Amino acid sequence: MKITNIKFKAENIQFYIEDEVCVVAFADSQDPDPEQYLILSQTLFDSEPDNPEENIEIGIETRQTSTFGKIEFINLESNEIVLDAIDSEAMKFHVAIQFTKAPQGLKDHLKILLFRSPEIAARLK
């Protein structure tokens, strides 16, 4: 299985809940069309996804469109997030994003995003 490695410094980190969807996004600039980005989103309503293993929508710079997948590993430090994800087409991603300082509330939103994967969310300290 091919692994795509993505590494960049985030200048823009956004997270919010709107219309029962939790979104966490990282971008390499404040520009509306950044060169490098990662967008994770998860619906929060009670219906079960078709495949609970692939429940997070992943938008990533290397893809033309977003796809559903799952987070296999996540680690959040004060100035970096590292995660491994696999999408519905069996593409694997290793993502390392650095930032000056994790904004307050980022960890809480990541835990909300990962509510269907409590064993992964538990790794966020």
N, C-alpha and C. Protein backbone atom coordinates (compact mmCIF):
# COMPACT_ATOMS: atom_id res chain seq x y z
N MET A 1 0.85 -1.18 0.00
CA MET A 1 0.00 0.00 0.00
C MET A 1 0.89 1.24 0.00
N LYS A 2 0.61 2.14 -0.89
CA LYS A 2 1.38 3.37 -1.00
C LYS A 2 0.98 4.33 0.14
N ILE A 3 1.98 4.96 0.75
CA ILE A 3 1.74 5.94 1.80
C ILE A 3 2.17 7.31 1.28
N THR A 4 1.26 8.27 1.35
CA THR A 4 1.56 9.64 0.96
C THR A 4 1.93 10.42 2.21
N ASN A 5 3.13 10.99 2.23
CA ASN A 5 3.59 11.80 3.35
C ASN A 5 3.32 13.27 3.07
N ILE A 6 2.71 13.92 4.02
CA ILE A 6 2.39 15.33 3.89
C ILE A 6 2.92 16.04 5.13
N LYS A 7 3.67 17.10 4.91
CA LYS A 7 4.22 17.86 6.03
C LYS A 7 4.21 19.33 5.66
N PHE A 8 3.66 20.16 6.55
CA PHE A 8 3.70 21.59 6.32
C PHE A 8 3.48 22.33 7.62
N LYS A 9 3.74 23.64 7.57
CA LYS A 9 3.51 24.50 8.72
C LYS A 9 2.17 25.20 8.52
N ALA A 10 1.29 25.06 9.49
CA ALA A 10 -0.04 25.67 9.39
C ALA A 10 0.01 27.12 9.85
N GLU A 11 -0.41 28.00 9.00
CA GLU A 11 -0.55 29.42 9.33
C GLU A 11 -2.01 29.74 9.67
N ASN A 12 -2.90 28.81 9.34
CA ASN A 12 -4.32 29.01 9.57
C ASN A 12 -4.92 27.71 10.09
N ILE A 13 -5.49 27.76 11.29
CA ILE A 13 -6.16 26.60 11.89
C ILE A 13 -7.58 27.04 12.24
N GLN A 14 -8.54 26.32 11.71
CA GLN A 14 -9.94 26.63 11.97
C GLN A 14 -10.64 25.39 12.51
N PHE A 15 -11.54 25.57 13.47
CA PHE A 15 -12.36 24.47 13.95
C PHE A 15 -13.67 25.05 14.43
N TYR A 16 -14.73 24.33 14.11
CA TYR A 16 -16.07 24.81 14.46
C TYR A 16 -17.07 23.68 14.28
N ILE A 17 -18.26 23.91 14.81
CA ILE A 17 -19.39 23.01 14.60
C ILE A 17 -20.50 23.84 13.99
N GLU A 18 -21.00 23.38 12.85
CA GLU A 18 -22.07 24.09 12.15
C GLU A 18 -22.97 23.06 11.49
N ASP A 19 -24.28 23.23 11.65
CA ASP A 19 -25.26 22.32 11.06
C ASP A 19 -24.96 20.86 11.41
N GLU A 20 -24.61 20.63 12.66
CA GLU A 20 -24.33 19.29 13.19
C GLU A 20 -23.16 18.60 12.51
N VAL A 21 -22.19 19.39 12.07
CA VAL A 21 -20.96 18.87 11.48
C VAL A 21 -19.79 19.53 12.20
N CYS A 22 -18.86 18.71 12.68
CA CYS A 22 -17.63 19.21 13.30
C CYS A 22 -16.56 19.27 12.22
N VAL A 23 -15.90 20.43 12.10
CA VAL A 23 -14.86 20.64 11.10
C VAL A 23 -13.58 21.08 11.79
N VAL A 24 -12.46 20.47 11.41
CA VAL A 24 -11.14 20.88 11.87
C VAL A 24 -10.29 21.01 10.61
N ALA A 25 -9.70 22.19 10.40
CA ALA A 25 -8.97 22.45 9.16
C ALA A 25 -7.64 23.13 9.44
N PHE A 26 -6.65 22.74 8.66
CA PHE A 26 -5.30 23.30 8.75
C PHE A 26 -4.90 23.74 7.35
N ALA A 27 -4.28 24.92 7.23
CA ALA A 27 -3.83 25.40 5.93
C ALA A 27 -2.48 26.11 6.09
N ASP A 28 -1.70 26.10 5.02
CA ASP A 28 -0.37 26.69 5.08
C ASP A 28 -0.38 28.21 4.92
N SER A 29 -1.54 28.80 4.70
CA SER A 29 -1.61 30.26 4.57
C SER A 29 -3.03 30.73 4.91
N GLN A 30 -3.17 32.03 5.01
CA GLN A 30 -4.49 32.64 5.24
C GLN A 30 -5.25 32.79 3.92
N ASP A 31 -4.59 32.51 2.82
CA ASP A 31 -5.18 32.63 1.49
C ASP A 31 -6.41 31.73 1.36
N PRO A 32 -7.47 32.19 0.67
CA PRO A 32 -8.66 31.34 0.50
C PRO A 32 -8.40 30.06 -0.30
N ASP A 33 -7.30 30.01 -1.04
CA ASP A 33 -6.96 28.83 -1.83
C ASP A 33 -5.53 28.40 -1.49
N PRO A 34 -5.31 27.84 -0.29
CA PRO A 34 -3.94 27.50 0.13
C PRO A 34 -3.35 26.37 -0.70
N GLU A 35 -2.02 26.33 -0.76
CA GLU A 35 -1.34 25.26 -1.48
C GLU A 35 -1.42 23.94 -0.73
N GLN A 36 -1.27 23.98 0.59
CA GLN A 36 -1.29 22.77 1.39
C GLN A 36 -2.37 22.91 2.45
N TYR A 37 -3.17 21.85 2.61
CA TYR A 37 -4.24 21.90 3.60
C TYR A 37 -4.69 20.49 3.97
N LEU A 38 -5.36 20.41 5.10
CA LEU A 38 -6.02 19.20 5.55
C LEU A 38 -7.33 19.63 6.19
N ILE A 39 -8.42 19.05 5.74
CA ILE A 39 -9.74 19.34 6.30
C ILE A 39 -10.35 18.01 6.75
N LEU A 40 -10.73 17.95 8.02
CA LEU A 40 -11.39 16.78 8.57
C LEU A 40 -12.79 17.19 9.00
N SER A 41 -13.80 16.41 8.66
CA SER A 41 -15.16 16.73 9.10
C SER A 41 -15.90 15.45 9.45
N GLN A 42 -16.84 15.60 10.38
CA GLN A 42 -17.60 14.47 10.91
C GLN A 42 -19.01 14.94 11.24
N THR A 43 -20.01 14.23 10.73
CA THR A 43 -21.38 14.54 11.12
C THR A 43 -21.61 14.09 12.54
N LEU A 44 -22.39 14.85 13.29
CA LEU A 44 -22.59 14.57 14.70
C LEU A 44 -23.96 14.00 15.02
N PHE A 45 -24.85 13.90 14.04
CA PHE A 45 -26.16 13.36 14.35
C PHE A 45 -26.09 11.85 14.52
N ASP A 46 -27.15 11.28 15.03
CA ASP A 46 -27.14 9.90 15.51
C ASP A 46 -27.13 8.82 14.44
N SER A 47 -27.42 9.14 13.19
CA SER A 47 -27.47 8.07 12.20
C SER A 47 -26.09 7.45 12.01
N GLU A 48 -26.07 6.16 11.82
CA GLU A 48 -24.82 5.45 11.61
C GLU A 48 -24.37 5.60 10.16
N PRO A 49 -23.10 5.79 9.91
CA PRO A 49 -22.62 5.83 8.53
C PRO A 49 -22.71 4.45 7.90
N ASP A 50 -22.68 4.40 6.56
CA ASP A 50 -22.72 3.12 5.85
C ASP A 50 -21.61 2.19 6.33
N ASN A 51 -20.44 2.75 6.52
CA ASN A 51 -19.30 1.98 7.02
C ASN A 51 -18.71 2.74 8.20
N PRO A 52 -19.00 2.31 9.43
CA PRO A 52 -18.53 3.06 10.59
C PRO A 52 -17.01 3.17 10.67
N GLU A 53 -16.30 2.29 9.99
CA GLU A 53 -14.84 2.38 9.98
C GLU A 53 -14.35 3.57 9.15
N GLU A 54 -15.17 4.02 8.20
CA GLU A 54 -14.78 5.12 7.33
C GLU A 54 -15.77 6.25 7.53
N ASN A 55 -15.62 6.95 8.64
CA ASN A 55 -16.66 7.88 9.02
C ASN A 55 -16.24 9.35 9.00
N ILE A 56 -15.00 9.64 8.72
CA ILE A 56 -14.53 11.02 8.71
C ILE A 56 -14.26 11.43 7.27
N GLU A 57 -14.78 12.58 6.89
CA GLU A 57 -14.50 13.09 5.56
C GLU A 57 -13.13 13.77 5.58
N ILE A 58 -12.28 13.39 4.64
CA ILE A 58 -10.91 13.88 4.58
C ILE A 58 -10.73 14.66 3.29
N GLY A 59 -10.42 15.93 3.43
CA GLY A 59 -10.06 16.75 2.28
C GLY A 59 -8.58 17.07 2.41
N ILE A 60 -7.82 16.74 1.39
CA ILE A 60 -6.37 16.88 1.50
C ILE A 60 -5.81 17.39 0.19
N GLU A 61 -4.73 18.11 0.26
CA GLU A 61 -4.16 18.77 -0.90
C GLU A 61 -3.86 17.85 -2.07
N THR A 62 -3.53 16.59 -1.80
CA THR A 62 -3.12 15.68 -2.86
C THR A 62 -4.29 15.09 -3.63
N ARG A 63 -5.51 15.36 -3.17
CA ARG A 63 -6.70 14.79 -3.80
C ARG A 63 -7.50 15.90 -4.49
N GLN A 64 -8.13 15.57 -5.59
CA GLN A 64 -9.00 16.53 -6.27
C GLN A 64 -10.29 16.74 -5.48
N THR A 65 -10.76 15.69 -4.83
CA THR A 65 -12.00 15.78 -4.06
C THR A 65 -11.78 15.15 -2.69
N SER A 66 -12.68 15.42 -1.78
CA SER A 66 -12.57 14.79 -0.47
C SER A 66 -13.14 13.38 -0.54
N THR A 67 -12.78 12.59 0.44
CA THR A 67 -13.21 11.20 0.49
C THR A 67 -13.44 10.83 1.95
N PHE A 68 -14.16 9.77 2.17
CA PHE A 68 -14.36 9.30 3.54
C PHE A 68 -13.24 8.33 3.91
N GLY A 69 -12.90 8.34 5.18
CA GLY A 69 -11.84 7.47 5.65
C GLY A 69 -11.86 7.38 7.16
N LYS A 70 -10.77 6.92 7.70
CA LYS A 70 -10.68 6.81 9.15
C LYS A 70 -9.29 7.25 9.60
N ILE A 71 -9.24 7.75 10.81
CA ILE A 71 -7.99 8.10 11.45
C ILE A 71 -7.49 6.85 12.17
N GLU A 72 -6.28 6.43 11.88
CA GLU A 72 -5.72 5.25 12.52
C GLU A 72 -4.82 5.62 13.70
N PHE A 73 -4.25 6.82 13.67
CA PHE A 73 -3.35 7.27 14.73
C PHE A 73 -3.41 8.79 14.77
N ILE A 74 -3.35 9.35 15.98
CA ILE A 74 -3.30 10.81 16.10
C ILE A 74 -2.51 11.17 17.35
N ASN A 75 -1.70 12.20 17.23
CA ASN A 75 -0.94 12.71 18.37
C ASN A 75 -0.91 14.23 18.25
N LEU A 76 -1.30 14.91 19.32
CA LEU A 76 -1.31 16.37 19.34
C LEU A 76 -0.34 16.85 20.40
N GLU A 77 0.63 17.63 19.99
CA GLU A 77 1.57 18.27 20.91
C GLU A 77 1.28 19.76 20.90
N SER A 78 2.03 20.52 21.68
CA SER A 78 1.77 21.96 21.78
C SER A 78 2.02 22.68 20.46
N ASN A 79 2.87 22.12 19.60
CA ASN A 79 3.16 22.80 18.34
C ASN A 79 3.15 21.89 17.11
N GLU A 80 2.48 20.72 17.22
CA GLU A 80 2.43 19.82 16.07
C GLU A 80 1.31 18.80 16.24
N ILE A 81 0.71 18.45 15.12
CA ILE A 81 -0.24 17.33 15.09
C ILE A 81 0.29 16.34 14.06
N VAL A 82 0.26 15.06 14.42
CA VAL A 82 0.67 13.99 13.53
C VAL A 82 -0.50 13.01 13.46
N LEU A 83 -0.86 12.62 12.27
CA LEU A 83 -1.93 11.63 12.15
C LEU A 83 -1.69 10.73 10.94
N ASP A 84 -2.20 9.52 11.08
CA ASP A 84 -2.21 8.56 9.98
C ASP A 84 -3.66 8.30 9.64
N ALA A 85 -3.97 8.36 8.37
CA ALA A 85 -5.34 8.14 7.91
C ALA A 85 -5.32 7.23 6.70
N ILE A 86 -6.44 6.55 6.51
CA ILE A 86 -6.63 5.72 5.32
C ILE A 86 -8.00 6.07 4.76
N ASP A 87 -8.06 6.27 3.46
CA ASP A 87 -9.34 6.66 2.87
C ASP A 87 -10.06 5.46 2.28
N SER A 88 -11.25 5.71 1.77
CA SER A 88 -12.11 4.63 1.27
C SER A 88 -11.53 3.95 0.03
N GLU A 89 -10.53 4.55 -0.59
CA GLU A 89 -9.89 3.94 -1.75
C GLU A 89 -8.57 3.29 -1.37
N ALA A 90 -8.38 3.04 -0.07
CA ALA A 90 -7.19 2.38 0.47
C ALA A 90 -5.91 3.19 0.25
N MET A 91 -6.04 4.49 0.13
CA MET A 91 -4.86 5.37 0.10
C MET A 91 -4.52 5.69 1.55
N LYS A 92 -3.26 5.62 1.89
CA LYS A 92 -2.83 5.88 3.25
C LYS A 92 -2.07 7.20 3.28
N PHE A 93 -2.31 8.00 4.33
CA PHE A 93 -1.66 9.29 4.48
C PHE A 93 -0.97 9.37 5.83
N HIS A 94 0.23 9.89 5.84
CA HIS A 94 0.92 10.25 7.08
C HIS A 94 1.08 11.76 7.03
N VAL A 95 0.44 12.44 7.98
CA VAL A 95 0.40 13.91 7.96
C VAL A 95 1.06 14.45 9.21
N ALA A 96 1.99 15.37 9.03
CA ALA A 96 2.64 16.08 10.14
C ALA A 96 2.48 17.57 9.88
N ILE A 97 1.78 18.24 10.77
CA ILE A 97 1.52 19.67 10.60
C ILE A 97 2.08 20.39 11.82
N GLN A 98 2.96 21.34 11.57
CA GLN A 98 3.53 22.14 12.65
C GLN A 98 2.82 23.48 12.72
N PHE A 99 2.79 24.05 13.92
CA PHE A 99 2.22 25.38 14.11
C PHE A 99 2.90 26.01 15.31
N THR A 100 2.73 27.31 15.47
CA THR A 100 3.38 28.02 16.56
C THR A 100 2.89 27.51 17.91
N LYS A 101 1.60 27.44 18.08
CA LYS A 101 1.00 26.95 19.32
C LYS A 101 -0.40 26.46 19.01
N ALA A 102 -0.77 25.33 19.59
CA ALA A 102 -2.12 24.80 19.38
C ALA A 102 -3.14 25.78 19.95
N PRO A 103 -4.09 26.22 19.14
CA PRO A 103 -5.11 27.13 19.66
C PRO A 103 -5.98 26.46 20.72
N GLN A 104 -6.41 27.25 21.67
CA GLN A 104 -7.29 26.73 22.71
C GLN A 104 -8.57 26.20 22.07
N GLY A 105 -8.96 25.02 22.43
CA GLY A 105 -10.16 24.40 21.88
C GLY A 105 -9.90 23.38 20.79
N LEU A 106 -8.68 23.37 20.23
CA LEU A 106 -8.37 22.43 19.15
C LEU A 106 -8.52 20.98 19.61
N LYS A 107 -7.94 20.66 20.75
CA LYS A 107 -8.02 19.28 21.25
C LYS A 107 -9.47 18.86 21.48
N ASP A 108 -10.27 19.75 22.04
CA ASP A 108 -11.68 19.42 22.29
C ASP A 108 -12.42 19.14 20.99
N HIS A 109 -12.16 19.93 19.97
CA HIS A 109 -12.82 19.70 18.68
C HIS A 109 -12.34 18.41 18.01
N LEU A 110 -11.07 18.08 18.18
CA LEU A 110 -10.58 16.81 17.64
C LEU A 110 -11.25 15.63 18.34
N LYS A 111 -11.46 15.74 19.64
CA LYS A 111 -12.15 14.67 20.38
C LYS A 111 -13.60 14.53 19.91
N ILE A 112 -14.25 15.65 19.64
CA ILE A 112 -15.62 15.60 19.11
C ILE A 112 -15.61 14.93 17.73
N LEU A 113 -14.67 15.32 16.89
CA LEU A 113 -14.53 14.77 15.55
C LEU A 113 -14.35 13.25 15.59
N LEU A 114 -13.66 12.76 16.60
CA LEU A 114 -13.33 11.34 16.72
C LEU A 114 -14.29 10.57 17.62
N PHE A 115 -15.51 11.09 17.83
CA PHE A 115 -16.41 10.45 18.80
C PHE A 115 -16.78 9.02 18.43
N ARG A 116 -16.71 8.65 17.17
CA ARG A 116 -17.02 7.27 16.78
C ARG A 116 -15.78 6.36 16.87
N SER A 117 -14.65 6.94 17.25
CA SER A 117 -13.41 6.18 17.42
C SER A 117 -12.82 6.51 18.79
N PRO A 118 -13.49 6.08 19.87
CA PRO A 118 -13.05 6.48 21.21
C PRO A 118 -11.63 6.03 21.55
N GLU A 119 -11.18 4.91 20.99
CA GLU A 119 -9.82 4.46 21.29
C GLU A 119 -8.78 5.39 20.69
N ILE A 120 -9.09 6.00 19.56
CA ILE A 120 -8.17 6.98 18.93
C ILE A 120 -8.27 8.31 19.69
N ALA A 121 -9.48 8.74 20.01
CA ALA A 121 -9.67 10.00 20.73
C ALA A 121 -8.98 9.97 22.10
N ALA A 122 -8.92 8.80 22.71
CA ALA A 122 -8.31 8.68 24.04
C ALA A 122 -6.81 8.98 24.00
N ARG A 123 -6.21 8.91 22.84
CA ARG A 123 -4.77 9.21 22.70
C ARG A 123 -4.48 10.71 22.77
N LEU A 124 -5.51 11.53 22.64
CA LEU A 124 -5.33 12.98 22.75
C LEU A 124 -5.27 13.33 24.23
N LYS A 125 -4.13 13.73 24.69
CA LYS A 125 -3.95 14.01 26.13
C LYS A 125 -4.25 15.44 26.45
